[in-house]
C-alpha atoms as a PDB file:
ATOM      1  CA  MET A   1       0.000   0.000   0.000  1.00  0.00           C
ATOM      2  CA  MET A   2       1.332   3.438  -0.909  1.00  0.00           C
ATOM      3  CA  GLY A   3       1.253   6.289   1.566  1.00  0.00           C
ATOM      4  CA  ARG A   4      -0.606   9.481   0.871  1.00  0.00           C
ATOM      5  CA  ARG A   5       1.436  12.201  -0.735  1.00  0.00           C
ATOM      6  CA  ALA A   6       1.525  15.570   0.960  1.00  0.00           C
ATOM      7  CA  VAL A   7      -0.500  18.209  -0.817  1.00  0.00           C
ATOM      8  CA  ALA A   8       1.741  20.805  -2.413  1.00  0.00           C
ATOM      9  CA  PHE A   9       1.158  24.387  -1.383  1.00  0.00           C
ATOM     10  CA  THR A  10       2.107  27.455  -3.340  1.00  0.00           C
ATOM     11  CA  GLU A  11       3.150  30.944  -2.417  1.00  0.00           C
ATOM     12  CA  ASP A  12      -0.140  32.064  -3.957  1.00  0.00           C
ATOM     13  CA  SER A  13      -2.188  29.811  -1.651  1.00  0.00           C
ATOM     14  CA  VAL A  14      -0.391  31.229   1.396  1.00  0.00           C
ATOM     15  CA  SER A  15      -0.877  34.790   0.124  1.00  0.00           C
ATOM     16  CA  ARG A  16      -4.613  34.202  -0.409  1.00  0.00           C
ATOM     17  CA  ALA A  17      -4.951  32.818   3.108  1.00  0.00           C
ATOM     18  CA  ILE A  18      -3.127  35.819   4.606  1.00  0.00           C
ATOM     19  CA  ARG A  19      -5.306  38.281   2.662  1.00  0.00           C
ATOM     20  CA  ALA A  20      -8.478  36.520   3.845  1.00  0.00           C
ATOM     21  CA  VAL A  21      -7.368  36.631   7.468  1.00  0.00           C
ATOM     22  CA  LYS A  22      -6.431  40.318   7.247  1.00  0.00           C
ATOM     23  CA  LYS A  23      -9.758  41.101   5.537  1.00  0.00           C
ATOM     24  CA  ALA A  24     -11.483  39.516   8.534  1.00  0.00           C
ATOM     25  CA  GLY A  25      -9.670  42.029  10.738  1.00  0.00           C
ATOM     26  CA  VAL A  26      -7.206  39.605  12.299  1.00  0.00           C
ATOM     27  CA  GLU A  27      -3.547  40.525  12.716  1.00  0.00           C
ATOM     28  CA  VAL A  28      -1.320  37.691  11.454  1.00  0.00           C
ATOM     29  CA  LYS A  29       1.125  36.481  14.102  1.00  0.00           C
ATOM     30  CA  THR A  30       2.482  33.198  12.694  1.00  0.00           C
ATOM     31  CA  ILE A  31       1.974  30.940   9.693  1.00  0.00           C
ATOM     32  CA  ARG A  32       2.562  27.190   9.601  1.00  0.00           C
ATOM     33  CA  ILE A  33       2.294  24.738   6.722  1.00  0.00           C
ATOM     34  CA  GLU A  34       1.095  21.315   7.867  1.00  0.00           C
ATOM     35  CA  PRO A  35       2.387  18.079   6.285  1.00  0.00           C
ATOM     36  CA  ASN A  36      -1.012  17.640   4.610  1.00  0.00           C
ATOM     37  CA  GLY A  37      -0.645  21.031   2.887  1.00  0.00           C
ATOM     38  CA  SER A  38      -2.968  22.974   5.195  1.00  0.00           C
ATOM     39  CA  VAL A  39      -2.025  26.589   5.828  1.00  0.00           C
ATOM     40  CA  VAL A  40      -2.461  27.421   9.531  1.00  0.00           C
ATOM     41  CA  ILE A  41      -2.432  31.100  10.477  1.00  0.00           C
ATOM     42  CA  ASN A  42      -2.375  32.229  14.093  1.00  0.00           C
ATOM     43  CA  GLY A  43      -3.516  35.745  14.695  1.00  0.00           C
ATOM     44  CA  ASP A  44      -5.024  38.145  17.162  1.00  0.00           C
ATOM     45  CA  ASN A  45      -7.853  40.630  17.023  1.00  0.00           C
ATOM     46  CA  GLY A  46      -9.094  40.412  20.560  1.00  0.00           C
ATOM     47  CA  GLU A  47     -12.438  38.780  19.830  1.00  0.00           C
ATOM     48  CA  ILE A  48     -13.631  37.013  16.726  1.00  0.00           C
ATOM     49  CA  THR A  49     -17.188  37.886  15.776  1.00  0.00           C
ATOM     50  CA  GLU A  50     -19.733  35.476  14.307  1.00  0.00           C
ATOM     51  CA  ARG A  51     -19.732  37.541  11.110  1.00  0.00           C
ATOM     52  CA  GLN A  52     -15.959  37.176  10.742  1.00  0.00           C
ATOM     53  CA  ILE A  53     -16.261  33.423  11.059  1.00  0.00           C
ATOM     54  CA  GLU A  54     -19.074  33.303   8.482  1.00  0.00           C
ATOM     55  CA  GLU A  55     -17.103  35.462   6.026  1.00  0.00           C
ATOM     56  CA  SER A  56     -13.858  33.535   6.420  1.00  0.00           C
ATOM     57  CA  ALA A  57     -12.911  30.833   3.935  1.00  0.00           C
ATOM     58  CA  GLY A  58     -14.376  27.547   5.127  1.00  0.00           C
ATOM     59  CA  GLY A  59     -15.132  28.928   8.585  1.00  0.00           C
ATOM     60  CA  TYR A  60     -11.476  29.128   9.591  1.00  0.00           C
ATOM     61  CA  LEU A  61      -9.686  32.284  10.691  1.00  0.00           C
END
């Protein structure tokens, strides 16, 4: 059985994620790329509103 290949990420995918987070009003603190290709952004804006969560891509901020 072959293992699953990691999903490749691009600079463009990271840039899109950063723009979406900033648009939601969250200050980007750190960015991490997971082995599965997920882009994880840690940020801070004090409180996250329900509207920000709804407007974020896939419900993630």
